[in-house]
Structures are given as C-alpha cells and as structure tokens.
C-alpha atoms as a PDB file:
ATOM      1  CA  MET A   1       0.189   0.167   0.209  1.00  0.00           C
ATOM      2  CA  PRO A   2       1.391   3.348  -0.926  1.00  0.00           C
ATOM      3  CA  ILE A   3       2.342   6.150   1.883  1.00  0.00           C
ATOM      4  CA  GLU A   4       0.304   8.696   1.192  1.00  0.00           C
ATOM      5  CA  ARG A   5       0.782  12.705   1.855  1.00  0.00           C
ATOM      6  CA  LYS A   6      -0.298  15.498   4.307  1.00  0.00           C
ATOM      7  CA  LEU A   7       1.049  18.958   3.661  1.00  0.00           C
ATOM      8  CA  ILE A   8      -0.054  21.091   7.058  1.00  0.00           C
ATOM      9  CA  ASP A   9       0.451  24.375   8.174  1.00  0.00           C
ATOM     10  CA  LEU A  10       2.429  24.459  11.899  1.00  0.00           C
ATOM     11  CA  LYS A  11      -0.189  25.682  14.812  1.00  0.00           C
ATOM     12  CA  ASP A  12       1.359  27.301  17.297  1.00  0.00           C
ATOM     13  CA  LEU A  13       5.012  27.258  15.739  1.00  0.00           C
ATOM     14  CA  LYS A  14       8.092  28.305  17.658  1.00  0.00           C
ATOM     15  CA  MET A  15      11.637  28.405  16.278  1.00  0.00           C
ATOM     16  CA  LEU A  16      13.961  28.096  18.874  1.00  0.00           C
ATOM     17  CA  ASP A  17      17.637  29.175  18.647  1.00  0.00           C
ATOM     18  CA  THR A  18      20.110  27.129  20.684  1.00  0.00           C
ATOM     19  CA  GLY A  19      22.358  24.804  19.227  1.00  0.00           C
ATOM     20  CA  ASN A  20      21.708  24.158  15.377  1.00  0.00           C
ATOM     21  CA  GLY A  21      18.287  25.461  16.088  1.00  0.00           C
ATOM     22  CA  SER A  22      14.993  23.929  16.697  1.00  0.00           C
ATOM     23  CA  VAL A  23      11.447  23.907  15.609  1.00  0.00           C
ATOM     24  CA  GLU A  24       7.977  23.312  17.390  1.00  0.00           C
ATOM     25  CA  GLY A  25       4.422  23.213  16.887  1.00  0.00           C
ATOM     26  CA  TYR A  26       1.378  21.462  16.527  1.00  0.00           C
ATOM     27  CA  ARG A  27       1.953  19.377  13.402  1.00  0.00           C
ATOM     28  CA  SER A  28      -1.751  18.197  13.072  1.00  0.00           C
ATOM     29  CA  VAL A  29      -4.928  19.186  15.526  1.00  0.00           C
ATOM     30  CA  PHE A  30      -7.333  17.130  15.823  1.00  0.00           C
ATOM     31  CA  GLY A  31     -11.032  17.267  14.717  1.00  0.00           C
ATOM     32  CA  GLU A  32     -10.565  20.134  12.390  1.00  0.00           C
ATOM     33  CA  ILE A  33     -10.956  20.123   8.446  1.00  0.00           C
ATOM     34  CA  ASP A  34      -7.184  20.084   6.830  1.00  0.00           C
ATOM     35  CA  GLU A  35      -6.126  21.291   3.613  1.00  0.00           C
ATOM     36  CA  GLY A  36      -6.671  17.599   2.308  1.00  0.00           C
ATOM     37  CA  GLY A  37     -10.026  17.701   3.170  1.00  0.00           C
ATOM     38  CA  ASP A  38      -9.649  15.518   5.953  1.00  0.00           C
ATOM     39  CA  ILE A  39     -10.140  15.137   9.937  1.00  0.00           C
ATOM     40  CA  VAL A  40      -7.497  13.651  11.750  1.00  0.00           C
ATOM     41  CA  GLY A  41      -8.366  12.092  15.249  1.00  0.00           C
ATOM     42  CA  LYS A  42      -7.107  11.998  18.313  1.00  0.00           C
ATOM     43  CA  GLY A  43      -4.887   7.833  18.700  1.00  0.00           C
ATOM     44  CA  ALA A  44      -4.260   8.732  14.991  1.00  0.00           C
ATOM     45  CA  PHE A  45      -0.393   8.877  16.166  1.00  0.00           C
ATOM     46  CA  ALA A  46      -0.376   7.072  19.080  1.00  0.00           C
ATOM     47  CA  ASP A  47       0.629   3.639  17.596  1.00  0.00           C
ATOM     48  CA  CYS A  48       3.710   5.074  16.076  1.00  0.00           C
ATOM     49  CA  MET A  49       5.555   7.286  18.217  1.00  0.00           C
ATOM     50  CA  ASN A  50       8.212   5.219  19.433  1.00  0.00           C
ATOM     51  CA  GLU A  51       8.519   4.430  15.874  1.00  0.00           C
ATOM     52  CA  TYR A  52       8.760   8.146  15.044  1.00  0.00           C
ATOM     53  CA  LEU A  53      11.054   9.414  17.615  1.00  0.00           C
ATOM     54  CA  ALA A  54      13.533   6.612  16.684  1.00  0.00           C
ATOM     55  CA  SER A  55      13.577   6.655  13.147  1.00  0.00           C
ATOM     56  CA  GLY A  56      11.832   9.905  11.763  1.00  0.00           C
ATOM     57  CA  PHE A  57      13.360  12.525  10.340  1.00  0.00           C
ATOM     58  CA  SER A  58      12.299  16.591   8.574  1.00  0.00           C
ATOM     59  CA  ALA A  59      13.715  16.888   5.225  1.00  0.00           C
ATOM     60  CA  HIS A  60      13.434  19.885   2.442  1.00  0.00           C
ATOM     61  CA  SER A  61      11.316  17.442  -0.075  1.00  0.00           C
ATOM     62  CA  HIS A  62       9.001  15.011  -0.433  1.00  0.00           C
ATOM     63  CA  ASP A  63      11.719  12.763  -1.711  1.00  0.00           C
ATOM     64  CA  TRP A  64      11.595  11.483   1.916  1.00  0.00           C
ATOM     65  CA  LYS A  65      15.250  10.258   1.145  1.00  0.00           C
ATOM     66  CA  PHE A  66      17.289  10.014   4.505  1.00  0.00           C
ATOM     67  CA  THR A  67      20.047  11.931   2.706  1.00  0.00           C
ATOM     68  CA  GLU A  68      17.446  15.097   2.359  1.00  0.00           C
ATOM     69  CA  ALA A  69      17.041  14.703   6.236  1.00  0.00           C
ATOM     70  CA  VAL A  70      17.415  18.289   7.902  1.00  0.00           C
ATOM     71  CA  GLY A  71      16.309  17.943  11.033  1.00  0.00           C
ATOM     72  CA  TYR A  72      14.662  14.859  13.528  1.00  0.00           C
ATOM     73  CA  PRO A  73      12.307  15.009  16.331  1.00  0.00           C
ATOM     74  CA  VAL A  74      13.289  14.875  19.727  1.00  0.00           C
ATOM     75  CA  GLU A  75       9.897  15.337  21.717  1.00  0.00           C
ATOM     76  CA  ALA A  76       6.514  14.561  20.310  1.00  0.00           C
ATOM     77  CA  ARG A  77       3.111  13.953  21.547  1.00  0.00           C
ATOM     78  CA  GLU A  78      -0.578  14.055  21.156  1.00  0.00           C
ATOM     79  CA  ASP A  79      -3.230  15.728  23.521  1.00  0.00           C
ATOM     80  CA  ASP A  80      -6.388  16.834  23.069  1.00  0.00           C
ATOM     81  CA  TYR A  81      -5.517  19.691  20.436  1.00  0.00           C
ATOM     82  CA  GLY A  82      -3.616  17.824  18.513  1.00  0.00           C
ATOM     83  CA  TRP A  83       0.309  16.107  17.456  1.00  0.00           C
ATOM     84  CA  TRP A  84       2.614  17.803  18.786  1.00  0.00           C
ATOM     85  CA  VAL A  85       6.409  18.064  17.761  1.00  0.00           C
ATOM     86  CA  LYS A  86       9.739  19.827  18.832  1.00  0.00           C
ATOM     87  CA  SER A  87      12.842  18.809  15.888  1.00  0.00           C
ATOM     88  CA  GLU A  88      16.444  19.937  15.767  1.00  0.00           C
ATOM     89  CA  PHE A  89      17.797  20.375  12.844  1.00  0.00           C
ATOM     90  CA  HIS A  90      21.325  19.179  11.692  1.00  0.00           C
ATOM     91  CA  SER A  91      24.311  21.055  11.616  1.00  0.00           C
ATOM     92  CA  THR A  92      24.756  20.705   7.634  1.00  0.00           C
ATOM     93  CA  GLY A  93      24.650  23.827   5.515  1.00  0.00           C
ATOM     94  CA  THR A  94      21.074  22.378   3.587  1.00  0.00           C
ATOM     95  CA  ALA A  95      19.799  21.739   7.000  1.00  0.00           C
ATOM     96  CA  GLN A  96      20.671  25.602   8.432  1.00  0.00           C
ATOM     97  CA  ASP A  97      19.922  27.173   5.219  1.00  0.00           C
ATOM     98  CA  ALA A  98      16.268  25.047   5.713  1.00  0.00           C
ATOM     99  CA  ARG A  99      15.991  26.760   9.170  1.00  0.00           C
ATOM    100  CA  THR A 100      17.065  30.303   7.852  1.00  0.00           C
ATOM    101  CA  ILE A 101      14.219  29.730   5.514  1.00  0.00           C
ATOM    102  CA  ALA A 102      11.524  28.539   7.971  1.00  0.00           C
ATOM    103  CA  SER A 103      12.230  31.430  10.415  1.00  0.00           C
ATOM    104  CA  GLU A 104      12.504  34.418   8.345  1.00  0.00           C
ATOM    105  CA  ARG A 105       8.891  32.805   6.456  1.00  0.00           C
ATOM    106  CA  LYS A 106       7.552  32.580  10.207  1.00  0.00           C
ATOM    107  CA  ALA A 107       8.559  36.333  10.849  1.00  0.00           C
ATOM    108  CA  ALA A 108       6.955  37.559   8.080  1.00  0.00           C
ATOM    109  CA  GLY A 109       4.229  36.294   8.988  1.00  0.00           C
ATOM    110  CA  LYS A 110       3.826  33.461   6.096  1.00  0.00           C
ATOM    111  CA  GLN A 111       3.180  29.836   6.042  1.00  0.00           C
ATOM    112  CA  VAL A 112       5.056  27.368   7.303  1.00  0.00           C
ATOM    113  CA  GLY A 113       4.364  23.395   6.874  1.00  0.00           C
ATOM    114  CA  PHE A 114       4.769  20.485   7.225  1.00  0.00           C
ATOM    115  CA  SER A 115       4.153  17.390   5.676  1.00  0.00           C
ATOM    116  CA  PHE A 116       3.639  13.808   6.919  1.00  0.00           C
ATOM    117  CA  GLY A 117       3.721   9.838   5.770  1.00  0.00           C
ATOM    118  CA  TYR A 118       0.822   7.995   6.722  1.00  0.00           C
ATOM    119  CA  LEU A 119      -0.688   4.723   5.573  1.00  0.00           C
ATOM    120  CA  PRO A 120      -4.646   4.826   5.471  1.00  0.00           C
END
C-alpha cells in the first residue's frame, strides 16, 4: 500500500535558536478539516510515536530520502488539541539553510508547513 502525504501548516509554531536550532509546534490538529479535506482524530499517532521518535526525520523535500534530512524529532506527543512535535536541525549547510528560510518566513507572517506520511 503506498504511503499518502499530508501538507499542514504548523500551528503555534516556535523557532528556537539554541544549538543548531529547533522548531516546535502542532503538526496536526484533531477534529478540524485540513488542507486535504480530511479530519484527523485523536489517537491517530499513538501507535507510531515511538517509531517516529526513533527513526523519523524532517526533510526539505517530498523525496523523503534520508540524505535529504534536515532535522530529527526530539519530542512528540498527542494531547486533546493535536500532535505536537519538537525537531532539532542538523548542523549541515542544507539544514541551516532550511532553518533560515523557515525563520524568515515565520517572521514575515508567511506559512511554514510540514508534511507527514501515513498508511490509511
């Protein structure tokens, strides 16, 4: 079964400048219609949280190749509002470029989004 992808705007996004930098926010909000017209329910990420923390990554493209990784999750949880994730950026030039772009877009009031893959 092919993996489907969803692009979502990070809710309550915070960019942090310590170390290599990090980004945190809700990557999915429960019970709201998203950009793909879907509604994600509470518990949708519960069964994959440990696997995501162990092997998940943030990429700067939809190729989802390990070589395209710009960051990795360090915290993730579900609460009544949604799926909250904190990711740290790698020290590579590509990762730091992605960090700069995200920070500048956020400061200018522009959308900063992430996508995630899932099996329906």
